[in-house]
Amino acid sequence: MPKTDYTDPETGFPRLEARIWTIDGNTQFVDLWLWKKAGGERLQVTRSQAAAGIDGAHKLINEFKIKYGAECGPDDITVQD
């Protein structure tokens, strides 16, 4: 679970919540949700998108940060093995 409190108006928004997961210890996938405002609903913007390793997953997250003008820090990212 991410450590970010998405109901806190002091948190910068829009914000991405990310989950990086693997199926075989080597292949990473990314799920991303966009929080437009504090306490609002999250919108899933990508599901099970393949990434080339953990570096590729972080690159993908950065691409979506730019696309949506959103913030996403370490406390917004969950990594599951």
PDB file of N, CA and C in Angstrom:
ATOM      1  N   MET A   1       0.843  -1.184   0.000  1.00  0.00           N
ATOM      2  CA  MET A   1       0.000   0.000   0.000  1.00  0.00           C
ATOM      3  C   MET A   1       0.883   1.241   0.000  1.00  0.00           C
ATOM      4  N   PRO A   2       0.472   2.248  -0.755  1.00  0.00           N
ATOM      5  CA  PRO A   2       1.230   3.496  -0.743  1.00  0.00           C
ATOM      6  C   PRO A   2       1.114   4.185   0.614  1.00  0.00           C
ATOM      7  N   LYS A   3       2.110   4.993   0.934  1.00  0.00           N
ATOM      8  CA  LYS A   3       2.124   5.703   2.204  1.00  0.00           C
ATOM      9  C   LYS A   3       1.442   7.061   2.100  1.00  0.00           C
ATOM     10  N   THR A   4       1.171   7.513   0.896  1.00  0.00           N
ATOM     11  CA  THR A   4       0.554   8.819   0.690  1.00  0.00           C
ATOM     12  C   THR A   4      -0.905   8.801   1.129  1.00  0.00           C
ATOM     13  N   ASP A   5      -1.320   9.866   1.811  1.00  0.00           N
ATOM     14  CA  ASP A   5      -2.723  10.044   2.197  1.00  0.00           C
ATOM     15  C   ASP A   5      -3.401  10.856   1.098  1.00  0.00           C
ATOM     16  N   TYR A   6      -4.182  10.191   0.266  1.00  0.00           N
ATOM     17  CA  TYR A   6      -4.814  10.848  -0.874  1.00  0.00           C
ATOM     18  C   TYR A   6      -6.048  11.669  -0.479  1.00  0.00           C
ATOM     19  N   THR A   7      -6.325  11.754   0.817  1.00  0.00           N
ATOM     20  CA  THR A   7      -7.415  12.617   1.289  1.00  0.00           C
ATOM     21  C   THR A   7      -6.880  13.920   1.873  1.00  0.00           C
ATOM     22  N   ASP A   8      -5.563  14.047   1.989  1.00  0.00           N
ATOM     23  CA  ASP A   8      -4.931  15.218   2.596  1.00  0.00           C
ATOM     24  C   ASP A   8      -4.803  16.348   1.579  1.00  0.00           C
ATOM     25  N   PRO A   9      -5.497  17.461   1.775  1.00  0.00           N
ATOM     26  CA  PRO A   9      -5.423  18.569   0.818  1.00  0.00           C
ATOM     27  C   PRO A   9      -4.037  19.219   0.756  1.00  0.00           C
ATOM     28  N   GLU A  10      -3.172  18.946   1.741  1.00  0.00           N
ATOM     29  CA  GLU A  10      -1.809  19.484   1.726  1.00  0.00           C
ATOM     30  C   GLU A  10      -0.899  18.721   0.745  1.00  0.00           C
ATOM     31  N   THR A  11      -1.346  17.531   0.327  1.00  0.00           N
ATOM     32  CA  THR A  11      -0.602  16.733  -0.643  1.00  0.00           C
ATOM     33  C   THR A  11      -0.814  17.352  -2.018  1.00  0.00           C
ATOM     34  N   GLY A  12       0.233  17.436  -2.820  1.00  0.00           N
ATOM     35  CA  GLY A  12       0.108  18.019  -4.162  1.00  0.00           C
ATOM     36  C   GLY A  12      -0.723  17.153  -5.091  1.00  0.00           C
ATOM     37  N   PHE A  13      -1.620  17.773  -5.808  1.00  0.00           N
ATOM     38  CA  PHE A  13      -2.470  17.075  -6.784  1.00  0.00           C
ATOM     39  C   PHE A  13      -2.428  17.844  -8.092  1.00  0.00           C
ATOM     40  N   PRO A  14      -2.610  17.184  -9.216  1.00  0.00           N
ATOM     41  CA  PRO A  14      -2.924  15.764  -9.393  1.00  0.00           C
ATOM     42  C   PRO A  14      -1.743  14.896  -9.002  1.00  0.00           C
ATOM     43  N   ARG A  15      -2.043  13.631  -8.717  1.00  0.00           N
ATOM     44  CA  ARG A  15      -1.032  12.710  -8.197  1.00  0.00           C
ATOM     45  C   ARG A  15      -1.283  11.323  -8.769  1.00  0.00           C
ATOM     46  N   LEU A  16      -0.200  10.614  -9.054  1.00  0.00           N
ATOM     47  CA  LEU A  16      -0.293   9.237  -9.517  1.00  0.00           C
ATOM     48  C   LEU A  16      -0.019   8.268  -8.376  1.00  0.00           C
ATOM     49  N   GLU A  17      -0.800   7.223  -8.318  1.00  0.00           N
ATOM     50  CA  GLU A  17      -0.551   6.085  -7.431  1.00  0.00           C
ATOM     51  C   GLU A  17      -0.100   4.945  -8.334  1.00  0.00           C
ATOM     52  N   ALA A  18       0.997   4.308  -8.002  1.00  0.00           N
ATOM     53  CA  ALA A  18       1.569   3.284  -8.873  1.00  0.00           C
ATOM     54  C   ALA A  18       1.751   1.962  -8.135  1.00  0.00           C
ATOM     55  N   ARG A  19       1.572   0.902  -8.894  1.00  0.00           N
ATOM     56  CA  ARG A  19       1.878  -0.440  -8.390  1.00  0.00           C
ATOM     57  C   ARG A  19       2.736  -1.125  -9.446  1.00  0.00           C
ATOM     58  N   ILE A  20       3.921  -1.552  -9.046  1.00  0.00           N
ATOM     59  CA  ILE A  20       4.818  -2.306  -9.912  1.00  0.00           C
ATOM     60  C   ILE A  20       4.795  -3.750  -9.414  1.00  0.00           C
ATOM     61  N   TRP A  21       4.540  -4.678 -10.326  1.00  0.00           N
ATOM     62  CA  TRP A  21       4.463  -6.074  -9.920  1.00  0.00           C
ATOM     63  C   TRP A  21       5.120  -6.962 -10.969  1.00  0.00           C
ATOM     64  N   THR A  22       5.443  -8.172 -10.560  1.00  0.00           N
ATOM     65  CA  THR A  22       6.147  -9.104 -11.437  1.00  0.00           C
ATOM     66  C   THR A  22       5.444 -10.454 -11.467  1.00  0.00           C
ATOM     67  N   ILE A  23       5.629 -11.151 -12.578  1.00  0.00           N
ATOM     68  CA  ILE A  23       5.041 -12.486 -12.665  1.00  0.00           C
ATOM     69  C   ILE A  23       6.082 -13.586 -12.535  1.00  0.00           C
ATOM     70  N   ASP A  24       7.344 -13.257 -12.786  1.00  0.00           N
ATOM     71  CA  ASP A  24       8.374 -14.292 -12.766  1.00  0.00           C
ATOM     72  C   ASP A  24       9.686 -13.828 -12.142  1.00  0.00           C
ATOM     73  N   GLY A  25       9.646 -12.735 -11.431  1.00  0.00           N
ATOM     74  CA  GLY A  25      10.854 -12.196 -10.833  1.00  0.00           C
ATOM     75  C   GLY A  25      11.678 -11.329 -11.758  1.00  0.00           C
ATOM     76  N   ASN A  26      11.329 -11.315 -13.041  1.00  0.00           N
ATOM     77  CA  ASN A  26      12.078 -10.537 -14.025  1.00  0.00           C
ATOM     78  C   ASN A  26      11.218  -9.576 -14.839  1.00  0.00           C
ATOM     79  N   THR A  27       9.978  -9.937 -15.078  1.00  0.00           N
ATOM     80  CA  THR A  27       9.110  -9.143 -15.936  1.00  0.00           C
ATOM     81  C   THR A  27       8.204  -8.265 -15.084  1.00  0.00           C
ATOM     82  N   GLN A  28       8.377  -6.945 -15.205  1.00  0.00           N
ATOM     83  CA  GLN A  28       7.583  -6.018 -14.414  1.00  0.00           C
ATOM     84  C   GLN A  28       6.387  -5.496 -15.221  1.00  0.00           C
ATOM     85  N   PHE A  29       5.311  -5.273 -14.496  1.00  0.00           N
ATOM     86  CA  PHE A  29       4.110  -4.652 -15.031  1.00  0.00           C
ATOM     87  C   PHE A  29       3.762  -3.472 -14.145  1.00  0.00           C
ATOM     88  N   VAL A  30       3.046  -2.505 -14.711  1.00  0.00           N
ATOM     89  CA  VAL A  30       2.697  -1.292 -13.978  1.00  0.00           C
ATOM     90  C   VAL A  30       1.195  -1.054 -14.057  1.00  0.00           C
ATOM     91  N   ASP A  31       0.600  -0.760 -12.917  1.00  0.00           N
ATOM     92  CA  ASP A  31      -0.770  -0.261 -12.821  1.00  0.00           C
ATOM     93  C   ASP A  31      -0.659   1.166 -12.298  1.00  0.00           C
ATOM     94  N   LEU A  32      -1.402   2.091 -12.889  1.00  0.00           N
ATOM     95  CA  LEU A  32      -1.369   3.491 -12.457  1.00  0.00           C
ATOM     96  C   LEU A  32      -2.775   4.039 -12.295  1.00  0.00           C
ATOM     97  N   TRP A  33      -2.942   4.827 -11.229  1.00  0.00           N
ATOM     98  CA  TRP A  33      -4.197   5.520 -10.986  1.00  0.00           C
ATOM     99  C   TRP A  33      -3.909   7.008 -10.837  1.00  0.00           C
ATOM    100  N   LEU A  34      -4.801   7.823 -11.312  1.00  0.00           N
ATOM    101  CA  LEU A  34      -4.675   9.273 -11.206  1.00  0.00           C
ATOM    102  C   LEU A  34      -5.661   9.788 -10.172  1.00  0.00           C
ATOM    103  N   TRP A  35      -5.130  10.531  -9.206  1.00  0.00           N
ATOM    104  CA  TRP A  35      -5.942  11.238  -8.217  1.00  0.00           C
ATOM    105  C   TRP A  35      -5.936  12.702  -8.636  1.00  0.00           C
ATOM    106  N   LYS A  36      -7.082  13.234  -9.041  1.00  0.00           N
ATOM    107  CA  LYS A  36      -7.135  14.624  -9.495  1.00  0.00           C
ATOM    108  C   LYS A  36      -7.186  15.612  -8.350  1.00  0.00           C
ATOM    109  N   LYS A  37      -7.829  15.197  -7.238  1.00  0.00           N
ATOM    110  CA  LYS A  37      -7.936  16.083  -6.078  1.00  0.00           C
ATOM    111  C   LYS A  37      -8.002  15.248  -4.807  1.00  0.00           C
ATOM    112  N   ALA A  38      -7.713  15.903  -3.697  1.00  0.00           N
ATOM    113  CA  ALA A  38      -7.731  15.227  -2.400  1.00  0.00           C
ATOM    114  C   ALA A  38      -9.114  14.664  -2.101  1.00  0.00           C
ATOM    115  N   GLY A  39      -9.155  13.413  -1.732  1.00  0.00           N
ATOM    116  CA  GLY A  39     -10.408  12.774  -1.349  1.00  0.00           C
ATOM    117  C   GLY A  39     -11.305  12.411  -2.510  1.00  0.00           C
ATOM    118  N   GLY A  40     -10.884  12.707  -3.722  1.00  0.00           N
ATOM    119  CA  GLY A  40     -11.697  12.374  -4.898  1.00  0.00           C
ATOM    120  C   GLY A  40     -11.551  10.910  -5.267  1.00  0.00           C
ATOM    121  N   GLU A  41     -12.155  10.557  -6.363  1.00  0.00           N
ATOM    122  CA  GLU A  41     -12.038   9.189  -6.845  1.00  0.00           C
ATOM    123  C   GLU A  41     -10.764   9.046  -7.653  1.00  0.00           C
ATOM    124  N   ARG A  42     -10.194   7.854  -7.633  1.00  0.00           N
ATOM    125  CA  ARG A  42      -9.019   7.615  -8.463  1.00  0.00           C
ATOM    126  C   ARG A  42      -9.461   7.015  -9.795  1.00  0.00           C
ATOM    127  N   LEU A  43      -8.772   7.407 -10.830  1.00  0.00           N
ATOM    128  CA  LEU A  43      -9.069   6.960 -12.188  1.00  0.00           C
ATOM    129  C   LEU A  43      -7.923   6.079 -12.660  1.00  0.00           C
ATOM    130  N   GLN A  44      -8.208   4.839 -13.051  1.00  0.00           N
ATOM    131  CA  GLN A  44      -7.136   3.971 -13.528  1.00  0.00           C
ATOM    132  C   GLN A  44      -6.739   4.409 -14.929  1.00  0.00           C
ATOM    133  N   VAL A  45      -5.453   4.737 -15.105  1.00  0.00           N
ATOM    134  CA  VAL A  45      -4.977   5.232 -16.398  1.00  0.00           C
ATOM    135  C   VAL A  45      -4.202   4.178 -17.175  1.00  0.00           C
ATOM    136  N   THR A  46      -3.706   3.164 -16.518  1.00  0.00           N
ATOM    137  CA  THR A  46      -3.105   2.024 -17.209  1.00  0.00           C
ATOM    138  C   THR A  46      -3.183   0.804 -16.298  1.00  0.00           C
ATOM    139  N   ARG A  47      -3.329  -0.346 -16.945  1.00  0.00           N
ATOM    140  CA  ARG A  47      -3.449  -1.597 -16.185  1.00  0.00           C
ATOM    141  C   ARG A  47      -2.577  -2.656 -16.837  1.00  0.00           C
ATOM    142  N   SER A  48      -1.740  -3.274 -16.043  1.00  0.00           N
ATOM    143  CA  SER A  48      -0.891  -4.380 -16.485  1.00  0.00           C
ATOM    144  C   SER A  48      -0.043  -4.007 -17.705  1.00  0.00           C
ATOM    145  N   GLN A  49       0.479  -2.784 -17.697  1.00  0.00           N
ATOM    146  CA  GLN A  49       1.336  -2.368 -18.800  1.00  0.00           C
ATOM    147  C   GLN A  49       2.741  -2.919 -18.575  1.00  0.00           C
ATOM    148  N   ALA A  50       3.240  -3.644 -19.566  1.00  0.00           N
ATOM    149  CA  ALA A  50       4.559  -4.266 -19.448  1.00  0.00           C
ATOM    150  C   ALA A  50       5.651  -3.207 -19.429  1.00  0.00           C
ATOM    151  N   ALA A  51       6.668  -3.456 -18.613  1.00  0.00           N
ATOM    152  CA  ALA A  51       7.822  -2.565 -18.517  1.00  0.00           C
ATOM    153  C   ALA A  51       9.091  -3.406 -18.613  1.00  0.00           C
ATOM    154  N   ALA A  52      10.122  -2.831 -19.193  1.00  0.00           N
ATOM    155  CA  ALA A  52      11.400  -3.535 -19.351  1.00  0.00           C
ATOM    156  C   ALA A  52      12.204  -3.433 -18.058  1.00  0.00           C
ATOM    157  N   GLY A  53      11.880  -4.261 -17.092  1.00  0.00           N
ATOM    158  CA  GLY A  53      12.586  -4.247 -15.821  1.00  0.00           C
ATOM    159  C   GLY A  53      12.136  -3.105 -14.927  1.00  0.00           C
ATOM    160  N   ILE A  54      12.756  -3.003 -13.764  1.00  0.00           N
ATOM    161  CA  ILE A  54      12.364  -1.993 -12.784  1.00  0.00           C
ATOM    162  C   ILE A  54      12.677  -0.596 -13.296  1.00  0.00           C
ATOM    163  N   ASP A  55      13.793  -0.433 -14.015  1.00  0.00           N
ATOM    164  CA  ASP A  55      14.113   0.882 -14.581  1.00  0.00           C
ATOM    165  C   ASP A  55      13.069   1.292 -15.614  1.00  0.00           C
ATOM    166  N   GLY A  56      12.618   0.340 -16.401  1.00  0.00           N
ATOM    167  CA  GLY A  56      11.579   0.611 -17.390  1.00  0.00           C
ATOM    168  C   GLY A  56      10.263   0.984 -16.725  1.00  0.00           C
ATOM    169  N   ALA A  57       9.977   0.372 -15.586  1.00  0.00           N
ATOM    170  CA  ALA A  57       8.754   0.695 -14.848  1.00  0.00           C
ATOM    171  C   ALA A  57       8.795   2.143 -14.365  1.00  0.00           C
ATOM    172  N   HIS A  58       9.944   2.555 -13.846  1.00  0.00           N
ATOM    173  CA  HIS A  58      10.067   3.939 -13.371  1.00  0.00           C
ATOM    174  C   HIS A  58      10.041   4.929 -14.536  1.00  0.00           C
ATOM    175  N   LYS A  59      10.585   4.539 -15.668  1.00  0.00           N
ATOM    176  CA  LYS A  59      10.517   5.387 -16.867  1.00  0.00           C
ATOM    177  C   LYS A  59       9.060   5.559 -17.300  1.00  0.00           C
ATOM    178  N   LEU A  60       8.313   4.476 -17.277  1.00  0.00           N
ATOM    179  CA  LEU A  60       6.896   4.528 -17.637  1.00  0.00           C
ATOM    180  C   LEU A  60       6.122   5.442 -16.688  1.00  0.00           C
ATOM    181  N   ILE A  61       6.399   5.332 -15.395  1.00  0.00           N
ATOM    182  CA  ILE A  61       5.752   6.210 -14.426  1.00  0.00           C
ATOM    183  C   ILE A  61       6.071   7.670 -14.737  1.00  0.00           C
ATOM    184  N   ASN A  62       7.336   7.963 -15.051  1.00  0.00           N
ATOM    185  CA  ASN A  62       7.720   9.335 -15.388  1.00  0.00           C
ATOM    186  C   ASN A  62       7.002   9.845 -16.629  1.00  0.00           C
ATOM    187  N   GLU A  63       6.802   8.985 -17.623  1.00  0.00           N
ATOM    188  CA  GLU A  63       6.069   9.383 -18.829  1.00  0.00           C
ATOM    189  C   GLU A  63       4.633   9.785 -18.484  1.00  0.00           C
ATOM    190  N   PHE A  64       3.998   9.030 -17.602  1.00  0.00           N
ATOM    191  CA  PHE A  64       2.639   9.358 -17.201  1.00  0.00           C
ATOM    192  C   PHE A  64       2.599  10.600 -16.309  1.00  0.00           C
ATOM    193  N   LYS A  65       3.640  10.817 -15.520  1.00  0.00           N
ATOM    194  CA  LYS A  65       3.718  12.047 -14.721  1.00  0.00           C
ATOM    195  C   LYS A  65       3.690  13.259 -15.647  1.00  0.00           C
ATOM    196  N   ILE A  66       4.462  13.196 -16.695  1.00  0.00           N
ATOM    197  CA  ILE A  66       4.512  14.301 -17.659  1.00  0.00           C
ATOM    198  C   ILE A  66       3.173  14.434 -18.380  1.00  0.00           C
ATOM    199  N   LYS A  67       2.633  13.321 -18.828  1.00  0.00           N
ATOM    200  CA  LYS A  67       1.364  13.328 -19.576  1.00  0.00           C
ATOM    201  C   LYS A  67       0.238  13.989 -18.784  1.00  0.00           C
ATOM    202  N   TYR A  68       0.156  13.698 -17.488  1.00  0.00           N
ATOM    203  CA  TYR A  68      -0.935  14.211 -16.666  1.00  0.00           C
ATOM    204  C   TYR A  68      -0.536  15.406 -15.802  1.00  0.00           C
ATOM    205  N   GLY A  69       0.718  15.839 -15.887  1.00  0.00           N
ATOM    206  CA  GLY A  69       1.173  16.946 -15.046  1.00  0.00           C
ATOM    207  C   GLY A  69       1.027  16.610 -13.575  1.00  0.00           C
ATOM    208  N   ALA A  70       1.285  15.355 -13.244  1.00  0.00           N
ATOM    209  CA  ALA A  70       1.041  14.848 -11.899  1.00  0.00           C
ATOM    210  C   ALA A  70       2.343  14.635 -11.143  1.00  0.00           C
ATOM    211  N   GLU A  71       2.216  14.552  -9.830  1.00  0.00           N
ATOM    212  CA  GLU A  71       3.324  14.200  -8.961  1.00  0.00           C
ATOM    213  C   GLU A  71       3.239  12.707  -8.656  1.00  0.00           C
ATOM    214  N   CYS A  72       4.392  12.116  -8.393  1.00  0.00           N
ATOM    215  CA  CYS A  72       4.447  10.713  -7.983  1.00  0.00           C
ATOM    216  C   CYS A  72       5.813  10.491  -7.359  1.00  0.00           C
ATOM    217  N   GLY A  73       5.829  10.291  -6.058  1.00  0.00           N
ATOM    218  CA  GLY A  73       7.086  10.079  -5.344  1.00  0.00           C
ATOM    219  C   GLY A  73       7.167   8.663  -4.807  1.00  0.00           C
ATOM    220  N   PRO A  74       8.246   8.369  -4.085  1.00  0.00           N
ATOM    221  CA  PRO A  74       8.433   7.016  -3.554  1.00  0.00           C
ATOM    222  C   PRO A  74       7.267   6.534  -2.679  1.00  0.00           C
ATOM    223  N   ASP A  75       6.606   7.442  -1.967  1.00  0.00           N
ATOM    224  CA  ASP A  75       5.490   7.037  -1.110  1.00  0.00           C
ATOM    225  C   ASP A  75       4.220   6.725  -1.886  1.00  0.00           C
ATOM    226  N   ASP A  76       4.228   6.989  -3.187  1.00  0.00           N
ATOM    227  CA  ASP A  76       3.074   6.678  -4.041  1.00  0.00           C
ATOM    228  C   ASP A  76       3.229   5.362  -4.774  1.00  0.00           C
ATOM    229  N   ILE A  77       4.397   4.735  -4.643  1.00  0.00           N
ATOM    230  CA  ILE A  77       4.716   3.546  -5.412  1.00  0.00           C
ATOM    231  C   ILE A  77       4.780   2.312  -4.513  1.00  0.00           C
ATOM    232  N   THR A  78       4.034   1.287  -4.893  1.00  0.00           N
ATOM    233  CA  THR A  78       4.062  -0.007  -4.225  1.00  0.00           C
ATOM    234  C   THR A  78       4.743  -0.995  -5.162  1.00  0.00           C
ATOM    235  N   VAL A  79       5.720  -1.733  -4.663  1.00  0.00           N
ATOM    236  CA  VAL A  79       6.404  -2.745  -5.456  1.00  0.00           C
ATOM    237  C   VAL A  79       6.060  -4.108  -4.878  1.00  0.00           C
ATOM    238  N   GLN A  80       5.500  -4.978  -5.711  1.00  0.00           N
ATOM    239  CA  GLN A  80       5.129  -6.329  -5.277  1.00  0.00           C
ATOM    240  C   GLN A  80       5.937  -7.336  -6.085  1.00  0.00           C
ATOM    241  N   ASP A  81       6.463  -8.329  -5.386  1.00  0.00           N
ATOM    242  CA  ASP A  81       7.231  -9.395  -6.067  1.00  0.00           C
ATOM    243  C   ASP A  81       6.314 -10.477  -6.558  1.00  0.00           C
TER     244      ASP A  81
END
